[in-house]
Each structure stands twice: as structure tokens, then as C-alpha cells.
Amino acid sequence: MHTYAEVKKAISSGDTVVSILDAYLAKISANKNLNAFLEVFEESARKQAELVDQKIKDGTAGKLAGMVIGLKDNLCYKGHKVSASSKILEGFESLFTATAVERLLAEDAIIIGRLNCDEFAMGSSNENSAFGPVLNPHGDNKVPGGSSGGSAAAVAAGLCTAALGSDTGGSIRQPASFTGTYGLKPTYGRISRYGLIAYASSFDQIGPFTNDLDDAALLLEIMAGSDDYDSTASSESVEPYTKRDSAKKYKVAVIGESLSMEGIDPEVKNKLEATISELKSDGHEVETVSFPYLDYMVPTYYVLTTAEASSNLSRFDGVHYGYRSGGAQGVEDTYKKSRSEGFGPEVQRRIMAGTFVLSHGYYDAYYTKGQKVRRVLQDKTNEIFEKFDVILLPTTPTTAFDIDAVSDPIAMYLQDIYTVHANLSGNPAISLPLGKHTSGLPFGVQVIGDHFKEADMLNFSAILEKINDKA
């Protein structure tokens, strides 16, 4: 079962939530080669499924009764292990549940397990996990994207109805593009980050992976809203995101530089151009706009996020919890050896880069300048939204690449060229699985919405789907 509509149909036909869970468990077992799940929470999931079955009988079941959800391994779930796919959190069990997860459980979702990801959400291919790479269900020599590769692969392979990921620079949308799933990053502050292991706190957002637009909208609606445990969570009212208005005509901005960029696959470009033509035929106003800062976005993103990571990851010291080096002598040696042995190479690289960016003598040259550039990017984005309803651009320049094909860190960072924009500006964005390459691999089309206008963004996404179905 790939969508919640299919789950509800099965339940109305007499299936139990326990039997639906068993079908997913069997599928996870049959697809172990994907390395998507780090741990399956079979015991607690079965208990929850039995409870939901009883609630269905009593007529008291919530909005997500029977939906089976996987969690990226950086989201806390009380009484269950969480490791951010890192050796440094070896054996750590969460003491509380993330607000987003709590809200799903309150509506009777079943949490089936924790999903592999790039270590501390740092990566674009899911090759940086301490537990090995995740494979793409569309080709076992292909990466699923990152950092939420396990979540994307699990949803694409039908190992759960939906999954949660986190998006700091494209970590939901890029793997969604590579696996042919829906990946939604809400406005910064739309969903509470309480219980999400932080990478870069002013960028991180939790969001869903689904096989259906309505499922993404429903999960967003349930998770969104203010939270006393997160001061950055917005109190902006939550709209009914599942409502649709197919008659509305949109003003659409297309970033010209995204289509003229060197390295974009011709088929990705052609798909977007065909979509633009269909939108115009359908009565929507589409205009190409210039965003001359495309080349500055990835460098700005990495200056600021590594700085925040350097600060956030200082708490993993081998003293309080998690991995501690067995050969350490004294406090300083414990810090050095535990962190050197516990963190992988990419995480070490970003901590070192962030520490340099924040260091005396370089702070103004890099961090302060990075914040100024971020403001310029935000102002330019806001200027576009004064005239347009949505921005349309590719999610990724290419389809999924081979495992071990990109060894240069800078080349890997450039995989985020189209996705970091929405994180730097704080806008909501979604990747829709509307493209299919002649290689047989999927790729996404990306829609960026105005701040807290997820309802508009999702409504336009539904229009794009209809146009795509007609094409």
C-alpha cells in the first residue's frame, strides 16, 4: 500500500491495522538490501496498531488511523534509540518524543522504525551514514539522495505509507526527486523543531515524504502550529492544506538562471519548459525572472550552516552520553579521541570549516558577510513574491547518480544548487515526481511558495499534476 487512501480502503474492506502493519513488516524484510531501516520498532508498532484497531471499532480513531510512518534517524521517539546515523550517539535512547511525532501519534499513526540518513543530516547522497549507504529502489547502483535517503527510499519502495525527514538545504526535496516521491519542506517555523537533532538551527525543518500530494498536505496540517517547546515555531494560523481550488489562475515566476545553468540534464530542462507551455495554455501567467545570485547560494549556505553545526555539535563530547573512546586518558583526551573516532569524515570536515568561519580574525570576513548575503537573497525572493504567487524550477539538475560516483566534496555540495534557496530564504517548497528520464529514473519539479502560503503552493501543485496527467 503506497498511499493513505489505499490504507483506508483496505480498512473499510475489513483489513485490520495489525494486518496492514504485518504487510509492511514483510516488505521491509524482503527489501533489507536497500539498507533504508536502521531499526524496526516491531513491538511498539504492534501495540499501537492493536490500540488503533480497538479505536476504529469504538468509532474514536484519529485522522491518521492505520497510516504507517517511518522516522528519519534524527527525530526523537521516547523509549526508542536515535543516533543521527552516527557512531557518536551509539546506544543512545531518547528521553522524550519530538512534537511533530507526538502530533502524528495523537492522530493514531503507527511509527514503524527509524530510517538511515547521512550522518547528522550532512550529505546529498546518503553515503555518509556510519551504517552504510542506502540504495535507490529505482536502481541498486544509484544513490537515493540525501540526507533523508532512507526516508525517501522507504516510501518509494512501499515499506511504509509515509516518512518524516528533515530539510536543511534540500535534504527532503533532493531525495524525493531522485526516488520519484513527494517531498515537502514547510516555511521555517511552520513545524516545531523540538525533538529534531540539530544540524543548522536557522535552516532545519521537518517535513513529510509521501506517494501522494494529499498525504503530504494532511501530514503538514497535523504537524504544523505553535509549540511551547520551540520558540522559533510560528503561531501563524494553520490552514486546511487539503482543500483545493482548481479554477484559480496563478502568476508563476521561473528563475531563468536555473534553466541556463551549466550541467542541467537536457531532459530535466525540456520537462520544465513543456510544463511552462502547458501552464500558459491553461491560462496561467508565467514569466521568466532573473535571480542573479544562483552562484552565491551554495557558498553562503555552507558558510552559515557549518558555523551553526560547529556550535550545535559541540554537545557530543564523549562525556555526557553516547560513544566514549576506550583508550582516552583524562578529560581533554576523552574529548579529542571520542570526537575523532565518533564523527565521520564529512561531519568532521563541516565542524572544522564552521570553527574556522567563526574564529577570531575570520568571523567578519565569512560569517558576518554570509549573513549579509543571506539578507540580500531573502529580499530578492520577497521582491519576486510581491508580483508572483509561486516560483517554479527544477528540484535537481540531474537524475540519481551512481554510488561512489561523486568523490569531490565541492561537486557533492553543488547537488543542492536548486534546493538551498528555500532554506536560505525560509520559504516553503515541494518536489513533485512529474519527470521520467529516458534512463527510466525519476526526477522532480520544484515549487517554492510565499512564507506560510503552503495552501497556495499545494493547490498549485495539484494543478501541475493535472497538467502533467494530460501531457
Protein backbone atom coordinates (compact mmCIF):
# COMPACT_ATOMS: atom_id res chain seq x y z
CA MET A 1 0.00 0.00 0.00
CA HIS A 2 1.58 3.24 -1.19
CA THR A 3 -0.97 5.87 -0.09
CA TYR A 4 -3.24 6.55 2.87
CA ALA A 5 -6.27 6.31 0.56
CA GLU A 6 -5.26 2.68 -0.12
CA VAL A 7 -4.85 2.04 3.63
CA LYS A 8 -8.31 3.47 4.39
CA LYS A 9 -9.85 1.40 1.58
CA ALA A 10 -8.26 -1.76 3.00
CA ILE A 11 -9.58 -0.96 6.50
CA SER A 12 -13.10 -0.27 5.18
CA SER A 13 -12.91 -3.63 3.32
CA GLY A 14 -12.29 -5.45 6.60
CA ASP A 15 -8.50 -5.44 6.98
CA THR A 16 -7.11 -4.68 10.43
CA VAL A 17 -4.35 -2.18 11.15
CA VAL A 18 -2.31 -5.10 12.55
CA SER A 19 -2.58 -6.96 9.22
CA ILE A 20 -1.57 -3.78 7.33
CA LEU A 21 1.43 -3.40 9.66
CA ASP A 22 2.38 -7.07 9.08
CA ALA A 23 2.34 -6.49 5.31
CA TYR A 24 4.75 -3.56 5.71
CA LEU A 25 6.99 -5.58 8.05
CA ALA A 26 7.18 -8.39 5.48
CA LYS A 27 8.07 -5.89 2.76
CA ILE A 28 10.81 -4.33 4.94
CA SER A 29 12.26 -7.80 5.49
CA ALA A 30 12.17 -8.54 1.74
CA ASN A 31 13.95 -5.23 0.95
CA LYS A 32 16.75 -5.31 3.52
CA ASN A 33 19.26 -4.81 0.69
CA LEU A 34 18.11 -1.16 0.42
CA ASN A 35 19.51 -0.51 3.93
CA ALA A 36 16.70 2.01 4.49
CA PHE A 37 15.77 0.98 8.05
CA LEU A 38 18.35 1.06 10.84
CA GLU A 39 15.84 -0.39 13.29
CA VAL A 40 12.26 -1.63 13.06
CA PHE A 41 10.13 -0.86 16.15
CA GLU A 42 8.06 -4.03 15.74
CA GLU A 43 6.95 -4.41 19.37
CA SER A 44 5.79 -0.81 19.96
CA ALA A 45 4.31 -0.58 16.44
CA ARG A 46 2.24 -3.73 17.01
CA LYS A 47 0.95 -2.40 20.36
CA GLN A 48 -0.04 0.88 18.71
CA ALA A 49 -1.71 -0.99 15.81
CA GLU A 50 -3.77 -3.08 18.25
CA LEU A 51 -4.81 0.08 20.09
CA VAL A 52 -5.84 1.77 16.82
CA ASP A 53 -7.84 -1.30 15.76
CA GLN A 54 -9.81 -1.00 19.00
CA LYS A 55 -10.34 2.74 18.44
CA ILE A 56 -11.66 2.02 14.93
CA LYS A 57 -14.17 -0.44 16.44
CA ASP A 58 -15.18 2.15 19.04
CA GLY A 59 -15.51 4.92 16.43
CA THR A 60 -12.90 7.10 18.19
CA ALA A 61 -9.99 6.74 15.72
CA GLY A 62 -7.95 9.78 14.69
CA LYS A 63 -7.27 11.29 11.26
CA LEU A 64 -4.26 9.03 10.60
CA ALA A 65 -5.67 5.69 11.84
CA GLY A 66 -3.69 2.97 10.09
CA MET A 67 -1.06 5.22 8.49
CA VAL A 68 2.34 3.59 9.00
CA ILE A 69 5.18 6.14 9.25
CA GLY A 70 8.97 5.83 9.36
CA LEU A 71 11.18 8.38 11.12
CA LYS A 72 14.47 9.76 9.90
CA ASP A 73 17.10 8.77 12.46
CA ASN A 74 17.42 12.32 13.81
CA LEU A 75 13.89 12.54 15.25
CA CYS A 76 13.32 11.62 18.88
CA TYR A 77 10.75 9.00 19.91
CA LYS A 78 10.62 8.31 23.65
CA GLY A 79 11.96 4.91 24.69
CA HIS A 80 13.50 4.27 21.27
CA LYS A 81 17.05 4.65 20.02
CA VAL A 82 18.09 7.62 17.89
CA SER A 83 21.61 8.10 16.51
CA ALA A 84 21.56 10.61 13.62
CA SER A 85 23.26 7.69 11.80
CA SER A 86 26.44 8.41 13.76
CA LYS A 87 28.72 6.30 15.90
CA ILE A 88 28.93 9.16 18.42
CA LEU A 89 25.34 8.51 19.58
CA GLU A 90 25.91 4.78 19.94
CA GLY A 91 23.33 3.19 22.25
CA PHE A 92 21.51 6.46 22.99
CA GLU A 93 17.81 6.14 23.76
CA SER A 94 15.52 9.15 23.53
CA LEU A 95 14.01 10.52 26.75
CA PHE A 96 11.14 12.35 25.01
CA THR A 97 9.19 12.46 21.74
CA ALA A 98 9.55 15.18 19.11
CA THR A 99 6.50 17.46 18.89
CA ALA A 100 5.90 16.58 15.21
CA VAL A 101 5.95 12.86 16.05
CA GLU A 102 3.73 13.41 19.11
CA ARG A 103 1.10 15.08 16.92
CA LEU A 104 1.10 12.16 14.46
CA LEU A 105 0.73 9.64 17.28
CA ALA A 106 -2.16 11.68 18.72
CA GLU A 107 -4.00 11.09 15.42
CA ASP A 108 -3.30 7.33 15.62
CA ALA A 109 -0.39 6.97 13.20
CA ILE A 110 1.85 3.90 13.68
CA ILE A 111 5.62 4.57 13.97
CA ILE A 112 7.33 1.59 12.34
CA GLY A 113 11.04 2.37 12.77
CA ARG A 114 13.99 4.68 12.26
CA LEU A 115 15.46 5.33 8.85
CA ASN A 116 19.04 5.63 7.67
CA CYS A 117 20.38 9.08 6.72
CA ASP A 118 23.61 10.93 6.12
CA GLU A 119 25.36 11.38 9.47
CA PHE A 120 23.84 14.36 11.31
CA ALA A 121 21.93 15.13 8.07
CA MET A 122 25.17 16.18 6.35
CA GLY A 123 25.17 14.92 2.79
CA SER A 124 23.39 14.75 -0.56
CA SER A 125 23.66 11.05 -1.33
CA ASN A 126 23.18 9.03 1.90
CA GLU A 127 26.72 7.69 1.55
CA ASN A 128 27.88 9.40 4.78
CA SER A 129 26.00 7.18 7.25
CA ALA A 130 28.02 5.26 9.83
CA PHE A 131 25.78 2.30 8.91
CA GLY A 132 26.49 2.20 5.18
CA PRO A 133 24.78 3.74 2.15
CA VAL A 134 21.09 3.48 1.29
CA LEU A 135 20.25 2.14 -2.18
CA ASN A 136 17.72 3.71 -4.52
CA PRO A 137 14.73 1.39 -5.21
CA HIS A 138 14.87 2.57 -8.86
CA GLY A 139 18.39 1.15 -9.31
CA ASP A 140 20.56 -0.53 -6.69
CA ASN A 141 23.71 1.09 -8.08
CA LYS A 142 22.14 4.55 -7.65
CA VAL A 143 22.10 6.83 -4.60
CA PRO A 144 18.67 7.79 -3.19
CA GLY A 145 19.81 11.35 -2.49
CA GLY A 146 20.40 12.82 0.92
CA SER A 147 20.43 13.45 3.67
CA SER A 148 16.98 11.84 4.14
CA GLY A 149 17.78 8.98 1.74
CA GLY A 150 16.38 6.22 3.96
CA SER A 151 13.05 8.05 4.30
CA ALA A 152 12.81 8.59 0.53
CA ALA A 153 13.78 5.01 -0.33
CA ALA A 154 11.34 3.53 2.21
CA VAL A 155 8.39 5.50 0.81
CA ALA A 156 9.37 4.83 -2.82
CA ALA A 157 9.66 1.08 -2.13
CA GLY A 158 6.35 0.97 -0.22
CA LEU A 159 7.96 -0.02 3.11
CA CYS A 160 5.72 2.48 4.94
CA THR A 161 2.84 4.76 3.96
CA ALA A 162 4.86 7.92 4.65
CA ALA A 163 8.06 9.01 6.33
CA LEU A 164 9.43 12.09 8.05
CA GLY A 165 12.67 13.73 7.02
CA SER A 166 14.46 16.97 7.77
CA ASP A 167 15.47 19.60 5.22
CA THR A 168 18.40 21.95 5.89
CA GLY A 169 19.45 22.62 2.29
CA GLY A 170 17.31 20.24 0.25
CA SER A 171 17.51 17.04 2.28
CA ILE A 172 13.82 16.24 1.71
CA ARG A 173 13.33 17.59 -1.81
CA GLN A 174 16.53 16.29 -3.44
CA PRO A 175 15.98 12.64 -2.39
CA ALA A 176 12.29 12.99 -3.31
CA SER A 177 13.41 13.97 -6.83
CA PHE A 178 15.82 11.01 -7.04
CA THR A 179 13.23 8.46 -5.83
CA GLY A 180 10.04 9.70 -7.50
CA THR A 181 8.28 10.67 -4.28
CA TYR A 182 6.69 13.85 -2.91
CA GLY A 183 8.97 15.78 -0.56
CA LEU A 184 7.72 18.86 1.29
CA LYS A 185 9.75 21.42 3.23
CA PRO A 186 7.43 23.84 5.07
CA THR A 187 8.09 27.51 5.85
CA TYR A 188 10.78 27.87 8.52
CA GLY A 189 8.91 27.74 11.84
CA ARG A 190 5.78 26.11 10.43
CA ILE A 191 6.56 22.79 12.18
CA SER A 192 8.21 22.68 15.60
CA ARG A 193 11.84 21.52 15.61
CA TYR A 194 11.58 20.28 19.20
CA GLY A 195 12.99 16.75 19.22
CA LEU A 196 14.91 17.13 15.96
CA ILE A 197 18.66 16.66 16.44
CA ALA A 198 20.00 19.99 15.22
CA TYR A 199 22.37 20.45 12.29
CA ALA A 200 21.87 24.17 11.48
CA SER A 201 19.12 25.63 13.64
CA SER A 202 18.16 28.59 11.44
CA PHE A 203 17.75 26.31 8.40
CA ASP A 204 16.38 22.96 9.66
CA GLN A 205 12.75 22.00 9.02
CA ILE A 206 10.86 18.73 9.46
CA GLY A 207 8.67 17.59 6.58
CA PRO A 208 6.98 14.53 5.03
CA PHE A 209 7.78 12.10 2.22
CA THR A 210 4.69 10.56 0.59
CA ASN A 211 3.48 8.91 -2.62
CA ASP A 212 0.53 11.27 -2.83
CA LEU A 213 0.05 15.06 -2.65
CA ASP A 214 -2.97 14.82 -0.33
CA ASP A 215 -0.99 12.68 2.13
CA ALA A 216 1.73 15.36 2.26
CA ALA A 217 -0.91 18.06 2.83
CA LEU A 218 -2.63 16.05 5.57
CA LEU A 219 0.60 15.35 7.46
CA LEU A 220 1.61 19.01 7.24
CA GLU A 221 -1.79 20.09 8.56
CA ILE A 222 -1.44 17.79 11.58
CA MET A 223 2.19 18.63 12.42
CA ALA A 224 2.03 22.41 11.84
CA GLY A 225 1.41 25.03 14.52
CA SER A 226 2.94 26.74 17.51
CA ASP A 227 4.74 24.85 20.25
CA ASP A 228 5.70 25.98 23.74
CA TYR A 229 8.88 23.87 23.47
CA ASP A 230 10.18 25.70 20.38
CA SER A 231 10.33 29.49 20.41
CA THR A 232 11.01 29.53 16.64
CA ALA A 233 7.76 27.68 15.86
CA SER A 234 5.29 30.19 14.39
CA SER A 235 1.88 30.96 15.88
CA GLU A 236 0.59 31.77 12.36
CA SER A 237 -2.79 30.03 11.89
CA VAL A 238 -2.77 26.60 10.22
CA GLU A 239 -4.85 26.48 7.05
CA PRO A 240 -6.76 23.42 5.76
CA TYR A 241 -3.99 22.31 3.39
CA THR A 242 -6.03 19.50 1.82
CA LYS A 243 -8.59 21.93 0.29
CA ARG A 244 -8.28 22.56 -3.46
CA ASP A 245 -9.36 25.31 -5.89
CA SER A 246 -8.82 24.01 -9.43
CA ALA A 247 -10.26 27.19 -11.02
CA LYS A 248 -7.61 29.56 -9.63
CA LYS A 249 -5.13 31.02 -12.15
CA TYR A 250 -1.60 31.59 -10.90
CA LYS A 251 1.17 34.07 -11.53
CA VAL A 252 4.25 31.91 -11.89
CA ALA A 253 7.89 33.04 -11.80
CA VAL A 254 10.50 30.87 -13.49
CA ILE A 255 14.10 31.58 -12.48
CA GLY A 256 15.88 31.99 -15.83
CA GLU A 257 19.33 31.16 -14.44
CA SER A 258 18.09 27.73 -13.28
CA LEU A 259 17.46 26.68 -16.89
CA SER A 260 20.60 28.18 -18.38
CA MET A 261 22.89 26.65 -15.76
CA GLU A 262 25.77 24.52 -16.99
CA GLY A 263 25.30 20.86 -16.03
CA ILE A 264 21.50 20.66 -16.19
CA ASP A 265 20.33 17.47 -17.91
CA PRO A 266 18.58 18.36 -21.21
CA GLU A 267 15.60 16.15 -20.30
CA VAL A 268 15.14 17.94 -16.95
CA LYS A 269 15.22 21.26 -18.79
CA ASN A 270 12.83 20.05 -21.50
CA LYS A 271 10.34 18.80 -18.92
CA LEU A 272 10.21 22.18 -17.20
CA GLU A 273 9.85 24.02 -20.50
CA ALA A 274 7.00 21.68 -21.53
CA THR A 275 5.32 22.28 -18.16
CA ILE A 276 5.62 26.05 -18.67
CA SER A 277 3.95 25.76 -22.11
CA GLU A 278 1.10 23.71 -20.62
CA LEU A 279 0.62 26.24 -17.81
CA LYS A 280 0.36 29.08 -20.32
CA SER A 281 -2.16 27.10 -22.42
CA ASP A 282 -4.17 26.55 -19.23
CA GLY A 283 -4.46 30.33 -18.66
CA HIS A 284 -1.76 30.84 -16.04
CA GLU A 285 0.60 33.79 -16.27
CA VAL A 286 4.21 32.54 -16.49
CA GLU A 287 7.17 34.88 -16.63
CA THR A 288 10.92 34.31 -16.57
CA VAL A 289 12.63 36.35 -13.85
CA SER A 290 16.30 36.89 -13.14
CA PHE A 291 17.79 35.72 -9.86
CA PRO A 292 21.44 36.69 -10.41
CA TYR A 293 22.65 35.19 -7.12
CA LEU A 294 22.48 31.48 -8.01
CA ASP A 295 26.28 31.14 -7.83
CA TYR A 296 26.34 32.66 -4.33
CA MET A 297 23.72 30.42 -2.76
CA VAL A 298 25.70 27.21 -2.17
CA PRO A 299 28.80 29.04 -0.76
CA THR A 300 26.60 31.18 1.52
CA TYR A 301 24.70 28.12 2.66
CA TYR A 302 27.87 26.20 3.56
CA VAL A 303 29.48 29.15 5.37
CA LEU A 304 26.42 29.63 7.59
CA THR A 305 25.38 26.00 8.14
CA THR A 306 28.87 24.80 9.02
CA ALA A 307 29.14 27.65 11.55
CA GLU A 308 25.87 26.57 13.18
CA ALA A 309 26.90 22.89 13.02
CA SER A 310 30.20 23.66 14.76
CA SER A 311 28.22 25.14 17.64
CA ASN A 312 25.39 22.57 17.71
CA LEU A 313 27.64 19.50 17.57
CA SER A 314 29.89 20.67 20.44
CA ARG A 315 27.50 18.91 22.84
CA PHE A 316 28.62 15.48 21.55
CA ASP A 317 31.76 15.23 23.63
CA GLY A 318 32.06 11.62 24.83
CA VAL A 319 31.30 12.70 28.40
CA HIS A 320 27.54 13.16 28.75
CA TYR A 321 26.12 10.34 26.57
CA GLY A 322 26.77 8.23 23.51
CA TYR A 323 30.17 6.96 22.33
CA ARG A 324 33.25 7.36 24.54
CA SER A 325 36.73 6.35 23.39
CA GLY A 326 38.07 3.38 25.33
CA GLY A 327 41.68 4.48 25.01
CA ALA A 328 41.30 8.04 26.30
CA GLN A 329 43.36 9.30 29.25
CA GLY A 330 41.94 12.36 31.06
CA VAL A 331 39.30 14.90 30.08
CA GLU A 332 40.98 16.57 27.09
CA ASP A 333 41.99 13.22 25.60
CA THR A 334 38.41 11.96 26.06
CA TYR A 335 37.07 14.91 24.04
CA LYS A 336 39.67 14.55 21.29
CA LYS A 337 39.54 10.78 20.84
CA SER A 338 35.79 10.39 21.31
CA ARG A 339 35.02 13.07 18.71
CA SER A 340 37.75 11.89 16.29
CA GLU A 341 36.55 8.29 16.46
CA GLY A 342 32.82 9.04 16.81
CA PHE A 343 32.28 11.52 13.95
CA GLY A 344 32.66 10.51 10.30
CA PRO A 345 34.86 12.40 7.80
CA GLU A 346 32.12 14.65 6.35
CA VAL A 347 30.89 15.73 9.79
CA GLN A 348 34.49 16.42 10.86
CA ARG A 349 35.03 18.45 7.68
CA ARG A 350 31.98 20.63 8.37
CA ILE A 351 32.80 21.12 12.07
CA MET A 352 36.32 22.25 11.13
CA ALA A 353 35.02 24.56 8.39
CA GLY A 354 32.44 26.05 10.78
CA THR A 355 35.01 26.53 13.54
CA PHE A 356 37.27 28.37 11.07
CA VAL A 357 34.36 30.57 9.87
CA LEU A 358 33.62 31.57 13.48
CA SER A 359 37.24 32.00 14.55
CA HIS A 360 38.84 35.28 15.59
CA GLY A 361 40.02 37.21 12.56
CA TYR A 362 37.73 35.39 10.11
CA TYR A 363 34.29 35.89 11.70
CA ASP A 364 33.56 39.17 9.86
CA ALA A 365 35.12 38.01 6.59
CA TYR A 366 32.98 34.88 6.40
CA TYR A 367 30.13 34.55 8.92
CA THR A 368 29.07 38.23 9.03
CA LYS A 369 29.38 38.53 5.25
CA GLY A 370 27.40 35.28 4.84
CA GLN A 371 24.55 36.71 6.93
CA LYS A 372 24.54 39.88 4.80
CA VAL A 373 24.36 37.83 1.59
CA ARG A 374 21.53 35.79 3.11
CA ARG A 375 19.59 39.01 3.68
CA VAL A 376 20.14 40.05 0.03
CA LEU A 377 18.82 36.63 -1.10
CA GLN A 378 15.78 36.92 1.19
CA ASP A 379 15.00 40.46 -0.02
CA LYS A 380 15.23 39.42 -3.68
CA THR A 381 12.95 36.42 -3.02
CA ASN A 382 10.40 38.61 -1.22
CA GLU A 383 10.53 41.01 -4.17
CA ILE A 384 9.56 38.16 -6.53
CA PHE A 385 6.62 37.23 -4.29
CA GLU A 386 5.30 40.79 -4.39
CA LYS A 387 4.38 40.09 -8.03
CA PHE A 388 4.06 36.29 -8.26
CA ASP A 389 2.23 33.51 -6.37
CA VAL A 390 4.82 30.75 -6.81
CA ILE A 391 8.30 30.10 -8.18
CA LEU A 392 8.83 27.12 -10.50
CA LEU A 393 12.23 25.49 -11.05
CA PRO A 394 13.86 22.03 -11.23
CA THR A 395 14.48 20.17 -7.97
CA THR A 396 17.79 18.70 -9.14
CA PRO A 397 19.92 19.29 -12.25
CA THR A 398 20.12 15.54 -12.98
CA THR A 399 18.63 12.18 -12.01
CA ALA A 400 20.22 10.00 -9.29
CA PHE A 401 23.92 9.35 -9.81
CA ASP A 402 25.86 6.14 -9.18
CA ILE A 403 27.11 5.23 -5.72
CA ASP A 404 30.75 6.39 -5.30
CA ALA A 405 30.45 8.49 -8.49
CA VAL A 406 30.94 11.86 -6.73
CA SER A 407 34.03 11.86 -4.53
CA ASP A 408 34.83 15.59 -4.53
CA PRO A 409 33.06 17.37 -1.62
CA ILE A 410 32.51 20.57 -3.64
CA ALA A 411 30.90 18.63 -6.52
CA MET A 412 28.64 16.94 -3.94
CA TYR A 413 27.68 20.29 -2.38
CA LEU A 414 26.60 21.53 -5.83
CA GLN A 415 23.89 18.85 -5.88
CA ASP A 416 21.93 21.33 -3.72
CA ILE A 417 22.13 24.17 -6.26
CA TYR A 418 18.32 24.41 -6.74
CA THR A 419 17.20 23.49 -3.23
CA VAL A 420 19.26 25.70 -0.85
CA HIS A 421 17.34 28.78 -2.00
CA ALA A 422 14.21 27.95 0.03
CA ASN A 423 16.27 27.24 3.17
CA LEU A 424 18.26 30.47 2.92
CA SER A 425 15.05 32.48 2.46
CA GLY A 426 12.86 30.37 4.79
CA ASN A 427 10.19 29.75 2.13
CA PRO A 428 8.12 26.58 1.80
CA ALA A 429 8.97 24.30 -1.14
CA ILE A 430 7.89 20.95 -2.54
CA SER A 431 9.32 18.47 -5.04
CA LEU A 432 6.73 16.76 -7.23
CA PRO A 433 7.54 13.50 -9.08
CA LEU A 434 6.48 14.75 -12.51
CA GLY A 435 9.50 13.74 -14.60
CA LYS A 436 10.69 10.40 -16.01
CA HIS A 437 14.04 10.24 -17.79
CA THR A 438 14.69 8.01 -20.81
CA SER A 439 17.05 6.12 -18.46
CA GLY A 440 13.94 5.10 -16.52
CA LEU A 441 14.94 7.18 -13.48
CA PRO A 442 12.52 9.74 -11.97
CA PHE A 443 13.20 13.42 -11.34
CA GLY A 444 11.24 16.19 -9.66
CA VAL A 445 9.79 19.58 -10.47
CA GLN A 446 10.05 22.07 -7.59
CA VAL A 447 7.55 24.69 -6.46
CA ILE A 448 8.53 27.40 -3.96
CA GLY A 449 5.72 29.25 -2.18
CA ASP A 450 5.49 32.50 -0.26
CA HIS A 451 6.01 32.41 3.53
CA PHE A 452 3.18 30.50 5.24
CA LYS A 453 1.35 30.13 1.91
CA GLU A 454 1.64 26.32 1.86
CA ALA A 455 -2.07 26.07 0.96
CA ASP A 456 -1.44 28.07 -2.24
CA MET A 457 1.71 26.08 -3.02
CA LEU A 458 -0.12 22.76 -2.61
CA ASN A 459 -3.10 23.95 -4.64
CA PHE A 460 -0.78 24.96 -7.50
CA SER A 461 0.98 21.59 -7.15
CA ALA A 462 -2.36 19.84 -7.70
CA ILE A 463 -2.87 21.93 -10.87
CA LEU A 464 0.62 20.89 -12.06
CA GLU A 465 -0.31 17.23 -11.50
CA LYS A 466 -3.44 17.59 -13.65
CA ILE A 467 -1.47 19.29 -16.40
CA ASN A 468 1.14 16.52 -16.21
CA ASP A 469 -1.55 13.82 -16.45
CA LYS A 470 -2.92 15.44 -19.61
CA ALA A 471 0.52 15.73 -21.26
